[in-house]
C-alpha cells in the first residue's frame, strides 16, 4: 500500500469520526503547517480566516501548550473573541483537539460535531488517527538524485519532452521519476511536489 493511499484512508476515517468536520495543521513550523487538511463548513473557514482567529484560538493555544487530547469544553484558556461560541453557529458545537509532535514540528487537529460531546472511546480513536496522520505527513529527509533532477528541470521551465532529452532518458522514464517524487512528497501534482521540495529544502 502506497503512502498516498494510506494518507487518504486516514483522512477518510478521520472524517467518519468527525461529523461536523475537522481541521488538521500538520508539522507546524515558523511559516505555518507543512500540510493542512480541512472539512469544516466553508463559511466558518472563510470567516475564521478573515478574522485572523488562528492567532487567537484557544484550541490552537492549547495545542501548542499540551500534547494529547481534550474536549473543547475542557479547555481552560481565555476566549475573549468567543471563537468557540461563534463556531457553534456553523455546526461546530462540540469538539476535541489533539496535539502531537515536538514543538518544532507540532501537529494540531480539531474535530467537531453538532449533536453531543465526543465519547471517550471516540477520542481515543481520533488520537490514534492523528498519530498516524502525523507520522504519514512527516516530511522526507531526502529525495533521490533522479527525483531531484527531474523536479528541478520542470521547476526550471522545461517541458517533459525537453527535460527528458536534456538528461538522455525517455519521456516515460522522466514521468516515472516525477511520479515517484510526488509520492515521496505526498503531492497531488508536480507543481505541488516542487513547492514542497523547496519548502523542505530538498531542492
N, C-alpha and C. Protein backbone atom coordinates (compact mmCIF):
# COMPACT_ATOMS: atom_id res chain seq x y z
N UNK A 1 0.85 -1.20 0.00
CA UNK A 1 0.00 0.00 0.00
C UNK A 1 0.88 1.25 0.00
N UNK A 2 0.65 2.17 -0.93
CA UNK A 2 1.48 3.37 -1.00
C UNK A 2 1.13 4.31 0.15
N UNK A 3 2.08 5.21 0.43
CA UNK A 3 1.86 6.20 1.49
C UNK A 3 0.64 7.05 1.18
N UNK A 4 0.48 7.41 -0.12
CA UNK A 4 -0.64 8.26 -0.54
C UNK A 4 -1.98 7.59 -0.24
N UNK A 5 -2.10 6.30 -0.56
CA UNK A 5 -3.33 5.57 -0.27
C UNK A 5 -3.56 5.52 1.23
N UNK A 6 -2.47 5.29 1.99
CA UNK A 6 -2.58 5.26 3.45
C UNK A 6 -3.08 6.58 4.00
N UNK A 7 -2.57 7.69 3.47
CA UNK A 7 -2.98 9.02 3.92
C UNK A 7 -4.45 9.24 3.63
N UNK A 8 -4.90 8.89 2.43
CA UNK A 8 -6.31 9.06 2.08
C UNK A 8 -7.22 8.26 3.01
N UNK A 9 -6.80 7.08 3.38
CA UNK A 9 -7.61 6.25 4.28
C UNK A 9 -7.70 6.86 5.68
N UNK A 10 -6.57 7.41 6.14
CA UNK A 10 -6.57 8.06 7.46
C UNK A 10 -7.53 9.24 7.45
N UNK A 11 -7.45 10.06 6.41
CA UNK A 11 -8.31 11.24 6.32
C UNK A 11 -9.78 10.85 6.19
N UNK A 12 -10.05 9.79 5.44
CA UNK A 12 -11.42 9.32 5.31
C UNK A 12 -11.96 8.90 6.68
N UNK A 13 -11.17 8.14 7.42
CA UNK A 13 -11.62 7.67 8.73
C UNK A 13 -11.76 8.82 9.71
N UNK A 14 -10.88 9.82 9.61
CA UNK A 14 -11.00 11.00 10.47
C UNK A 14 -12.30 11.72 10.19
N UNK A 15 -12.71 11.75 8.92
CA UNK A 15 -13.98 12.35 8.55
C UNK A 15 -15.16 11.59 9.13
N UNK A 16 -15.06 10.28 9.14
CA UNK A 16 -16.12 9.45 9.73
C UNK A 16 -16.27 9.76 11.22
N UNK A 17 -15.14 9.96 11.89
CA UNK A 17 -15.16 10.22 13.34
C UNK A 17 -15.54 11.66 13.67
N UNK A 18 -15.58 12.53 12.65
CA UNK A 18 -15.82 13.96 12.88
C UNK A 18 -17.01 14.42 12.05
N UNK A 19 -18.24 14.16 12.48
CA UNK A 19 -19.43 14.51 11.68
C UNK A 19 -19.53 16.00 11.36
N UNK A 20 -18.96 16.85 12.23
CA UNK A 20 -19.00 18.29 12.00
C UNK A 20 -17.79 18.80 11.25
N UNK A 21 -16.92 17.90 10.83
CA UNK A 21 -15.72 18.28 10.09
C UNK A 21 -14.48 18.32 10.97
N UNK A 22 -13.35 18.52 10.31
CA UNK A 22 -12.09 18.61 11.03
C UNK A 22 -11.18 19.63 10.36
N UNK A 23 -10.21 20.09 11.12
CA UNK A 23 -9.15 20.97 10.60
C UNK A 23 -7.84 20.42 11.13
N UNK A 24 -6.94 20.08 10.24
CA UNK A 24 -5.67 19.47 10.64
C UNK A 24 -4.50 20.29 10.10
N UNK A 25 -3.71 20.85 10.99
CA UNK A 25 -2.48 21.54 10.63
C UNK A 25 -1.32 20.64 11.01
N UNK A 26 -0.60 20.14 10.01
CA UNK A 26 0.42 19.12 10.25
C UNK A 26 1.84 19.71 10.21
N UNK A 27 2.61 19.36 11.22
CA UNK A 27 4.02 19.76 11.31
C UNK A 27 4.15 21.28 11.18
N UNK A 28 3.56 21.97 12.14
CA UNK A 28 3.55 23.43 12.14
C UNK A 28 4.95 23.93 12.47
N UNK A 29 5.46 24.78 11.58
CA UNK A 29 6.79 25.39 11.76
C UNK A 29 6.58 26.91 11.81
N UNK A 30 7.64 27.66 11.67
CA UNK A 30 7.54 29.12 11.77
C UNK A 30 6.58 29.72 10.75
N UNK A 31 6.60 29.18 9.53
CA UNK A 31 5.78 29.75 8.45
C UNK A 31 4.38 29.15 8.39
N UNK A 32 4.05 28.27 9.31
CA UNK A 32 2.74 27.63 9.31
C UNK A 32 2.87 26.13 9.11
N UNK A 33 1.74 25.45 8.92
CA UNK A 33 1.78 23.99 8.75
C UNK A 33 2.37 23.60 7.40
N UNK A 34 3.11 22.49 7.39
CA UNK A 34 3.64 21.99 6.13
C UNK A 34 2.51 21.44 5.27
N UNK A 35 1.48 20.88 5.93
CA UNK A 35 0.30 20.40 5.21
C UNK A 35 -0.92 20.75 6.04
N UNK A 36 -2.02 20.98 5.34
CA UNK A 36 -3.27 21.30 6.03
C UNK A 36 -4.42 20.59 5.33
N UNK A 37 -5.30 20.01 6.13
CA UNK A 37 -6.49 19.34 5.61
C UNK A 37 -7.68 19.85 6.41
N UNK A 38 -8.79 20.09 5.74
CA UNK A 38 -9.96 20.56 6.49
C UNK A 38 -11.26 20.20 5.80
N UNK A 39 -12.27 19.90 6.61
CA UNK A 39 -13.61 19.63 6.10
C UNK A 39 -14.66 20.42 6.87
N UNK A 40 -14.22 21.43 7.63
CA UNK A 40 -15.17 22.30 8.32
C UNK A 40 -16.06 23.00 7.29
N UNK A 41 -17.20 23.50 7.77
CA UNK A 41 -18.08 24.32 6.94
C UNK A 41 -17.26 25.46 6.33
N UNK A 42 -17.34 25.63 5.02
CA UNK A 42 -16.51 26.62 4.34
C UNK A 42 -16.82 28.04 4.81
N UNK A 43 -18.08 28.28 5.18
CA UNK A 43 -18.44 29.61 5.70
C UNK A 43 -17.66 29.94 6.95
N UNK A 44 -17.49 28.93 7.82
CA UNK A 44 -16.73 29.14 9.05
C UNK A 44 -15.24 29.33 8.73
N UNK A 45 -14.72 28.54 7.82
CA UNK A 45 -13.31 28.65 7.44
C UNK A 45 -13.02 30.04 6.90
N UNK A 46 -13.90 30.54 6.04
CA UNK A 46 -13.71 31.87 5.46
C UNK A 46 -13.76 32.96 6.54
N UNK A 47 -14.76 32.87 7.41
CA UNK A 47 -14.90 33.87 8.47
C UNK A 47 -13.71 33.82 9.43
N UNK A 48 -13.32 32.61 9.82
CA UNK A 48 -12.19 32.38 10.73
C UNK A 48 -10.92 33.00 10.14
N UNK A 49 -10.72 32.80 8.85
CA UNK A 49 -9.53 33.32 8.17
C UNK A 49 -9.57 34.84 8.10
N UNK A 50 -10.73 35.39 7.73
CA UNK A 50 -10.88 36.84 7.63
C UNK A 50 -10.60 37.53 8.95
N UNK A 51 -11.01 36.90 10.06
CA UNK A 51 -10.85 37.50 11.38
C UNK A 51 -9.46 37.26 11.98
N UNK A 52 -8.65 36.43 11.31
CA UNK A 52 -7.32 36.13 11.84
C UNK A 52 -7.36 35.37 13.15
N UNK A 53 -8.35 34.49 13.27
CA UNK A 53 -8.56 33.79 14.54
C UNK A 53 -7.48 32.76 14.88
N UNK A 54 -6.68 32.35 13.89
CA UNK A 54 -5.67 31.34 14.17
C UNK A 54 -4.73 31.79 15.29
N UNK A 55 -4.52 33.10 15.42
CA UNK A 55 -3.62 33.63 16.45
C UNK A 55 -4.33 33.88 17.78
N UNK A 56 -5.65 33.65 17.80
CA UNK A 56 -6.44 33.94 19.00
C UNK A 56 -7.23 32.74 19.49
N UNK A 57 -7.15 31.65 18.75
CA UNK A 57 -7.97 30.47 19.01
C UNK A 57 -7.47 29.70 20.23
N UNK A 58 -8.31 29.54 21.27
CA UNK A 58 -7.87 28.80 22.45
C UNK A 58 -7.54 27.34 22.15
N UNK A 59 -8.17 26.77 21.12
CA UNK A 59 -7.87 25.40 20.73
C UNK A 59 -6.42 25.30 20.23
N UNK A 60 -6.00 26.26 19.40
CA UNK A 60 -4.64 26.28 18.89
C UNK A 60 -3.66 26.53 20.03
N UNK A 61 -4.00 27.47 20.90
CA UNK A 61 -3.13 27.78 22.05
C UNK A 61 -2.94 26.54 22.92
N UNK A 62 -4.02 25.80 23.15
CA UNK A 62 -3.92 24.56 23.95
C UNK A 62 -3.00 23.58 23.23
N UNK A 63 -3.14 23.47 21.92
CA UNK A 63 -2.34 22.53 21.15
C UNK A 63 -0.86 22.81 21.19
N UNK A 64 -0.49 24.07 21.37
CA UNK A 64 0.93 24.41 21.47
C UNK A 64 1.46 24.25 22.89
N UNK A 65 0.56 24.22 23.86
CA UNK A 65 0.98 24.10 25.26
C UNK A 65 0.88 22.69 25.81
N UNK A 66 0.12 21.84 25.15
CA UNK A 66 -0.10 20.47 25.63
C UNK A 66 0.09 19.49 24.49
N UNK A 67 0.43 18.27 24.84
CA UNK A 67 0.41 17.19 23.85
C UNK A 67 -0.54 16.14 24.38
N UNK A 68 -1.51 15.74 23.56
CA UNK A 68 -2.54 14.82 23.99
C UNK A 68 -3.87 15.21 23.36
N UNK A 69 -4.94 15.00 24.10
CA UNK A 69 -6.28 15.32 23.57
C UNK A 69 -7.16 15.86 24.68
N UNK A 70 -8.07 16.75 24.30
CA UNK A 70 -9.05 17.27 25.26
C UNK A 70 -10.29 17.75 24.52
N UNK A 71 -11.42 17.72 25.20
CA UNK A 71 -12.63 18.30 24.63
C UNK A 71 -12.52 19.82 24.66
N UNK A 72 -13.13 20.46 23.67
CA UNK A 72 -13.11 21.92 23.65
C UNK A 72 -13.69 22.49 24.94
N UNK A 73 -14.72 21.85 25.46
CA UNK A 73 -15.38 22.36 26.67
C UNK A 73 -14.49 22.28 27.90
N UNK A 74 -13.40 21.51 27.82
CA UNK A 74 -12.48 21.37 28.96
C UNK A 74 -11.25 22.27 28.83
N UNK A 75 -11.17 23.05 27.76
CA UNK A 75 -10.03 23.95 27.59
C UNK A 75 -10.18 25.13 28.54
N UNK A 76 -9.24 25.24 29.46
CA UNK A 76 -9.31 26.30 30.48
C UNK A 76 -8.38 27.45 30.09
N UNK A 77 -8.73 28.08 28.97
CA UNK A 77 -7.95 29.21 28.47
C UNK A 77 -8.91 30.34 28.09
N UNK A 78 -8.46 31.58 28.16
CA UNK A 78 -9.34 32.70 27.79
C UNK A 78 -9.77 32.61 26.32
N UNK A 79 -11.02 33.01 26.06
CA UNK A 79 -11.54 33.07 24.70
C UNK A 79 -12.28 34.40 24.54
N UNK A 80 -11.52 35.51 24.61
CA UNK A 80 -12.16 36.84 24.60
C UNK A 80 -12.94 37.15 23.33
N UNK A 81 -12.63 36.45 22.23
CA UNK A 81 -13.34 36.70 20.99
C UNK A 81 -14.50 35.73 20.79
N UNK A 82 -14.78 34.90 21.81
CA UNK A 82 -15.87 33.92 21.74
C UNK A 82 -15.79 33.06 20.48
N UNK A 83 -14.60 32.62 20.16
CA UNK A 83 -14.40 31.85 18.93
C UNK A 83 -15.17 30.54 18.98
N UNK A 84 -15.11 29.85 20.10
CA UNK A 84 -15.80 28.56 20.20
C UNK A 84 -17.32 28.75 20.12
N UNK A 85 -17.82 29.83 20.70
CA UNK A 85 -19.26 30.10 20.63
C UNK A 85 -19.67 30.45 19.19
N UNK A 86 -18.84 31.20 18.51
CA UNK A 86 -19.14 31.55 17.12
C UNK A 86 -19.09 30.31 16.22
N UNK A 87 -18.16 29.40 16.50
CA UNK A 87 -18.04 28.18 15.70
C UNK A 87 -19.32 27.36 15.76
N UNK A 88 -20.00 27.40 16.92
CA UNK A 88 -21.22 26.61 17.10
C UNK A 88 -22.31 27.03 16.11
N UNK A 89 -22.29 28.28 15.65
CA UNK A 89 -23.27 28.74 14.68
C UNK A 89 -23.12 28.03 13.33
N UNK A 90 -21.96 27.43 13.12
CA UNK A 90 -21.68 26.72 11.87
C UNK A 90 -21.69 25.20 12.07
N UNK A 91 -22.27 24.76 13.17
CA UNK A 91 -22.36 23.32 13.43
C UNK A 91 -21.19 22.74 14.19
N UNK A 92 -20.24 23.58 14.57
CA UNK A 92 -19.08 23.12 15.34
C UNK A 92 -19.37 23.39 16.82
N UNK A 93 -20.34 22.66 17.35
CA UNK A 93 -20.82 22.91 18.71
C UNK A 93 -19.97 22.21 19.75
N UNK A 94 -19.63 20.96 19.48
CA UNK A 94 -18.80 20.17 20.39
C UNK A 94 -17.55 19.74 19.64
N UNK A 95 -16.46 19.64 20.37
CA UNK A 95 -15.25 19.27 19.65
C UNK A 95 -14.17 18.70 20.54
N UNK A 96 -13.14 18.23 19.89
CA UNK A 96 -11.95 17.72 20.57
C UNK A 96 -10.74 18.22 19.81
N UNK A 97 -9.67 18.51 20.53
CA UNK A 97 -8.42 18.91 19.91
C UNK A 97 -7.36 17.89 20.30
N UNK A 98 -6.54 17.53 19.32
CA UNK A 98 -5.44 16.59 19.55
C UNK A 98 -4.15 17.25 19.08
N UNK A 99 -3.11 17.18 19.90
CA UNK A 99 -1.80 17.73 19.55
C UNK A 99 -0.76 16.63 19.63
N UNK A 100 0.09 16.57 18.61
CA UNK A 100 1.14 15.55 18.54
C UNK A 100 2.44 16.16 18.03
N UNK A 101 3.57 15.62 18.49
CA UNK A 101 4.86 16.01 17.96
C UNK A 101 5.58 17.04 18.81
N UNK A 102 6.85 17.25 18.48
CA UNK A 102 7.65 18.23 19.20
C UNK A 102 7.18 19.64 18.87
N UNK A 103 7.55 20.60 19.70
CA UNK A 103 7.16 21.99 19.44
C UNK A 103 7.75 22.50 18.14
N UNK A 104 8.85 21.91 17.69
CA UNK A 104 9.47 22.32 16.44
C UNK A 104 8.72 21.80 15.22
N UNK A 105 7.83 20.82 15.45
CA UNK A 105 7.06 20.24 14.34
C UNK A 105 5.74 19.69 14.88
N UNK A 106 4.96 20.58 15.49
CA UNK A 106 3.71 20.19 16.16
C UNK A 106 2.57 20.06 15.15
N UNK A 107 1.77 19.02 15.32
CA UNK A 107 0.54 18.85 14.54
C UNK A 107 -0.64 19.06 15.48
N UNK A 108 -1.60 19.88 15.04
CA UNK A 108 -2.79 20.17 15.85
C UNK A 108 -4.02 19.90 15.00
N UNK A 109 -4.92 19.07 15.53
CA UNK A 109 -6.11 18.68 14.79
C UNK A 109 -7.34 18.94 15.64
N UNK A 110 -8.31 19.66 15.09
CA UNK A 110 -9.58 19.89 15.76
C UNK A 110 -10.67 19.12 15.04
N UNK A 111 -11.51 18.41 15.79
CA UNK A 111 -12.62 17.63 15.23
C UNK A 111 -13.91 18.09 15.88
N UNK A 112 -14.99 18.16 15.09
CA UNK A 112 -16.23 18.74 15.60
C UNK A 112 -17.44 17.87 15.31
N UNK A 113 -18.47 18.12 16.08
CA UNK A 113 -19.79 17.55 15.83
C UNK A 113 -20.83 18.51 16.42
N UNK A 114 -22.08 18.40 15.96
CA UNK A 114 -23.12 19.35 16.36
C UNK A 114 -24.04 18.81 17.44
N UNK A 115 -24.07 17.48 17.62
CA UNK A 115 -25.14 16.89 18.43
C UNK A 115 -24.79 16.62 19.89
N UNK A 116 -23.53 16.29 20.20
CA UNK A 116 -23.18 15.90 21.57
C UNK A 116 -21.66 15.93 21.73
N UNK A 117 -21.23 15.80 23.00
CA UNK A 117 -19.80 15.70 23.26
C UNK A 117 -19.24 14.40 22.68
N UNK A 118 -17.98 14.41 22.34
CA UNK A 118 -17.31 13.18 21.90
C UNK A 118 -17.15 12.24 23.10
N UNK A 119 -17.43 10.96 22.89
CA UNK A 119 -17.25 9.96 23.94
C UNK A 119 -15.76 9.61 24.07
N UNK A 120 -15.41 9.04 25.22
CA UNK A 120 -14.00 8.71 25.47
C UNK A 120 -13.43 7.78 24.41
N UNK A 121 -14.21 6.77 24.00
CA UNK A 121 -13.68 5.83 23.01
C UNK A 121 -13.52 6.50 21.65
N UNK A 122 -14.37 7.47 21.33
CA UNK A 122 -14.24 8.22 20.08
C UNK A 122 -12.97 9.07 20.09
N UNK A 123 -12.70 9.68 21.24
CA UNK A 123 -11.48 10.48 21.37
C UNK A 123 -10.24 9.62 21.22
N UNK A 124 -10.29 8.42 21.78
CA UNK A 124 -9.15 7.50 21.66
C UNK A 124 -8.90 7.13 20.19
N UNK A 125 -9.98 6.89 19.45
CA UNK A 125 -9.82 6.55 18.04
C UNK A 125 -9.27 7.74 17.26
N UNK A 126 -9.76 8.94 17.57
CA UNK A 126 -9.26 10.14 16.90
C UNK A 126 -7.78 10.35 17.22
N UNK A 127 -7.39 10.12 18.47
CA UNK A 127 -5.98 10.25 18.83
C UNK A 127 -5.10 9.31 18.01
N UNK A 128 -5.56 8.09 17.83
CA UNK A 128 -4.80 7.11 17.03
C UNK A 128 -4.69 7.56 15.58
N UNK A 129 -5.78 8.11 15.05
CA UNK A 129 -5.76 8.60 13.67
C UNK A 129 -4.83 9.79 13.51
N UNK A 130 -4.85 10.70 14.48
CA UNK A 130 -3.97 11.87 14.41
C UNK A 130 -2.51 11.45 14.51
N UNK A 131 -2.22 10.48 15.36
CA UNK A 131 -0.85 9.97 15.46
C UNK A 131 -0.39 9.39 14.12
N UNK A 132 -1.29 8.63 13.49
CA UNK A 132 -0.97 8.05 12.18
C UNK A 132 -0.80 9.14 11.12
N UNK A 133 -1.65 10.17 11.20
CA UNK A 133 -1.57 11.28 10.24
C UNK A 133 -0.28 12.06 10.43
N UNK A 134 0.10 12.28 11.68
CA UNK A 134 1.35 12.99 11.99
C UNK A 134 2.54 12.24 11.40
N UNK A 135 2.53 10.93 11.56
CA UNK A 135 3.63 10.11 11.04
C UNK A 135 3.61 10.07 9.51
N UNK A 136 2.42 9.93 8.93
CA UNK A 136 2.30 9.82 7.47
C UNK A 136 2.72 11.10 6.75
N UNK A 137 2.57 12.25 7.42
CA UNK A 137 2.90 13.53 6.78
C UNK A 137 4.27 14.06 7.19
N UNK A 138 5.04 13.25 7.91
CA UNK A 138 6.39 13.66 8.30
C UNK A 138 7.21 13.88 7.03
N UNK A 139 7.76 15.07 6.83
CA UNK A 139 8.47 15.34 5.57
C UNK A 139 9.70 14.46 5.40
N UNK A 140 9.98 14.06 4.17
CA UNK A 140 11.16 13.21 3.93
C UNK A 140 12.45 13.98 4.18
N UNK A 141 13.50 13.26 4.55
CA UNK A 141 14.80 13.88 4.76
C UNK A 141 15.54 14.11 3.45
N UNK A 142 15.16 13.36 2.41
CA UNK A 142 15.90 13.47 1.16
C UNK A 142 15.06 12.96 0.00
N UNK A 143 15.50 13.30 -1.19
CA UNK A 143 14.98 12.73 -2.43
C UNK A 143 16.16 12.06 -3.14
N UNK A 144 15.87 11.14 -4.03
CA UNK A 144 16.94 10.54 -4.81
C UNK A 144 17.47 11.58 -5.79
N UNK A 145 18.69 11.35 -6.27
CA UNK A 145 19.27 12.27 -7.24
C UNK A 145 18.40 12.36 -8.49
N UNK A 146 17.83 11.22 -8.90
CA UNK A 146 16.98 11.21 -10.09
C UNK A 146 15.70 12.01 -9.87
N UNK A 147 15.10 11.90 -8.68
CA UNK A 147 13.89 12.65 -8.36
C UNK A 147 14.19 14.15 -8.34
N UNK A 148 15.29 14.53 -7.71
CA UNK A 148 15.68 15.95 -7.66
C UNK A 148 15.91 16.51 -9.05
N UNK A 149 16.62 15.75 -9.87
CA UNK A 149 16.94 16.21 -11.22
C UNK A 149 15.68 16.44 -12.04
N UNK A 150 14.75 15.50 -11.94
CA UNK A 150 13.51 15.61 -12.69
C UNK A 150 12.70 16.81 -12.23
N UNK A 151 12.56 16.98 -10.92
CA UNK A 151 11.79 18.11 -10.38
C UNK A 151 12.46 19.43 -10.75
N UNK A 152 13.78 19.49 -10.65
CA UNK A 152 14.48 20.74 -10.93
C UNK A 152 14.31 21.17 -12.38
N UNK A 153 14.35 20.21 -13.30
CA UNK A 153 14.17 20.55 -14.71
C UNK A 153 12.79 21.15 -14.97
N UNK A 154 11.76 20.54 -14.37
CA UNK A 154 10.41 21.07 -14.54
C UNK A 154 10.30 22.43 -13.86
N UNK A 155 10.92 22.57 -12.70
CA UNK A 155 10.92 23.85 -11.98
C UNK A 155 11.60 24.94 -12.82
N UNK A 156 12.59 24.53 -13.60
CA UNK A 156 13.32 25.48 -14.44
C UNK A 156 12.57 25.83 -15.73
N UNK A 157 11.41 25.21 -15.92
CA UNK A 157 10.58 25.57 -17.06
C UNK A 157 10.62 24.62 -18.25
N UNK A 158 11.35 23.52 -18.13
CA UNK A 158 11.40 22.55 -19.22
C UNK A 158 10.09 21.77 -19.30
N UNK A 159 9.62 21.51 -20.51
CA UNK A 159 8.50 20.60 -20.72
C UNK A 159 9.04 19.18 -20.65
N UNK A 160 8.13 18.22 -20.48
CA UNK A 160 8.55 16.83 -20.29
C UNK A 160 9.49 16.34 -21.39
N UNK A 161 9.14 16.59 -22.65
CA UNK A 161 9.95 16.10 -23.76
C UNK A 161 11.35 16.70 -23.73
N UNK A 162 11.44 18.00 -23.51
CA UNK A 162 12.74 18.67 -23.48
C UNK A 162 13.55 18.25 -22.26
N UNK A 163 12.88 18.09 -21.12
CA UNK A 163 13.58 17.68 -19.90
C UNK A 163 14.17 16.29 -20.07
N UNK A 164 13.39 15.39 -20.64
CA UNK A 164 13.86 14.02 -20.86
C UNK A 164 15.05 14.01 -21.81
N UNK A 165 14.97 14.79 -22.87
CA UNK A 165 16.06 14.85 -23.85
C UNK A 165 17.33 15.41 -23.23
N UNK A 166 17.18 16.38 -22.36
CA UNK A 166 18.35 17.03 -21.75
C UNK A 166 19.18 16.05 -20.92
N UNK A 167 18.50 15.09 -20.26
CA UNK A 167 19.24 14.14 -19.42
C UNK A 167 19.35 12.76 -20.06
N UNK A 168 18.90 12.66 -21.31
CA UNK A 168 19.11 11.44 -22.07
C UNK A 168 18.28 10.24 -21.64
N UNK A 169 17.03 10.50 -21.23
CA UNK A 169 16.13 9.40 -20.89
C UNK A 169 14.84 9.57 -21.67
N UNK A 170 14.00 8.55 -21.66
CA UNK A 170 12.72 8.64 -22.36
C UNK A 170 11.76 9.52 -21.57
N UNK A 171 10.76 10.02 -22.26
CA UNK A 171 9.75 10.85 -21.58
C UNK A 171 9.00 10.04 -20.53
N UNK A 172 8.75 8.76 -20.82
CA UNK A 172 8.05 7.91 -19.85
C UNK A 172 8.91 7.70 -18.60
N UNK A 173 10.23 7.60 -18.79
CA UNK A 173 11.12 7.44 -17.64
C UNK A 173 11.13 8.70 -16.79
N UNK A 174 11.10 9.86 -17.45
CA UNK A 174 11.04 11.13 -16.71
C UNK A 174 9.75 11.21 -15.90
N UNK A 175 8.64 10.84 -16.55
CA UNK A 175 7.35 10.89 -15.85
C UNK A 175 7.34 9.95 -14.65
N UNK A 176 7.99 8.79 -14.79
CA UNK A 176 8.07 7.84 -13.67
C UNK A 176 8.84 8.46 -12.50
N UNK A 177 9.90 9.20 -12.81
CA UNK A 177 10.67 9.87 -11.76
C UNK A 177 9.83 10.95 -11.07
N UNK A 178 9.05 11.67 -11.87
CA UNK A 178 8.19 12.71 -11.29
C UNK A 178 7.10 12.10 -10.41
N UNK A 179 6.54 10.99 -10.85
CA UNK A 179 5.52 10.30 -10.05
C UNK A 179 6.10 9.83 -8.73
N UNK A 180 7.30 9.25 -8.78
CA UNK A 180 7.91 8.76 -7.54
C UNK A 180 8.22 9.92 -6.60
N UNK A 181 8.61 11.08 -7.16
CA UNK A 181 8.87 12.27 -6.34
C UNK A 181 7.57 12.77 -5.71
N UNK A 182 6.50 12.78 -6.51
CA UNK A 182 5.20 13.22 -5.96
C UNK A 182 4.76 12.30 -4.82
N UNK A 183 4.92 11.00 -5.01
CA UNK A 183 4.54 10.05 -3.96
C UNK A 183 5.37 10.27 -2.70
N UNK A 184 6.66 10.50 -2.89
CA UNK A 184 7.56 10.71 -1.75
C UNK A 184 7.17 11.96 -0.96
N UNK A 185 6.70 12.97 -1.69
CA UNK A 185 6.36 14.26 -1.08
C UNK A 185 4.88 14.38 -0.76
N UNK A 186 4.11 13.31 -0.99
CA UNK A 186 2.66 13.31 -0.75
C UNK A 186 1.98 14.44 -1.51
N UNK A 187 2.42 14.68 -2.73
CA UNK A 187 1.89 15.76 -3.55
C UNK A 187 0.98 15.21 -4.64
N UNK A 188 -0.08 15.93 -4.94
CA UNK A 188 -1.02 15.50 -5.97
C UNK A 188 -0.56 15.92 -7.37
N UNK A 189 0.22 16.98 -7.45
CA UNK A 189 0.69 17.47 -8.74
C UNK A 189 2.19 17.69 -8.68
N UNK A 190 2.81 17.80 -9.86
CA UNK A 190 4.24 18.07 -9.91
C UNK A 190 4.54 19.46 -9.35
N UNK A 191 3.68 20.43 -9.64
CA UNK A 191 3.88 21.79 -9.11
C UNK A 191 3.88 21.78 -7.58
N UNK A 192 2.95 21.01 -7.00
CA UNK A 192 2.89 20.90 -5.55
C UNK A 192 4.14 20.21 -5.02
N UNK A 193 4.61 19.19 -5.74
CA UNK A 193 5.82 18.48 -5.33
C UNK A 193 7.03 19.41 -5.34
N UNK A 194 7.12 20.24 -6.36
CA UNK A 194 8.23 21.19 -6.45
C UNK A 194 8.20 22.16 -5.28
N UNK A 195 7.00 22.68 -4.97
CA UNK A 195 6.88 23.63 -3.87
C UNK A 195 7.23 22.98 -2.54
N UNK A 196 6.77 21.74 -2.34
CA UNK A 196 7.09 21.06 -1.08
C UNK A 196 8.58 20.75 -0.98
N UNK A 197 9.18 20.35 -2.09
CA UNK A 197 10.62 20.07 -2.08
C UNK A 197 11.39 21.33 -1.70
N UNK A 198 10.94 22.48 -2.19
CA UNK A 198 11.59 23.75 -1.83
C UNK A 198 11.34 24.08 -0.36
N UNK A 199 10.10 23.86 0.10
CA UNK A 199 9.77 24.14 1.50
C UNK A 199 10.61 23.27 2.43
N UNK A 200 10.88 22.04 2.02
CA UNK A 200 11.65 21.11 2.85
C UNK A 200 13.16 21.24 2.62
N UNK A 201 13.55 22.22 1.79
CA UNK A 201 14.97 22.46 1.46
C UNK A 201 15.60 21.24 0.82
N UNK A 202 14.85 20.58 -0.07
CA UNK A 202 15.34 19.43 -0.79
C UNK A 202 15.69 19.78 -2.24
N UNK A 203 15.31 20.97 -2.65
CA UNK A 203 15.65 21.46 -3.99
C UNK A 203 16.41 22.79 -3.86
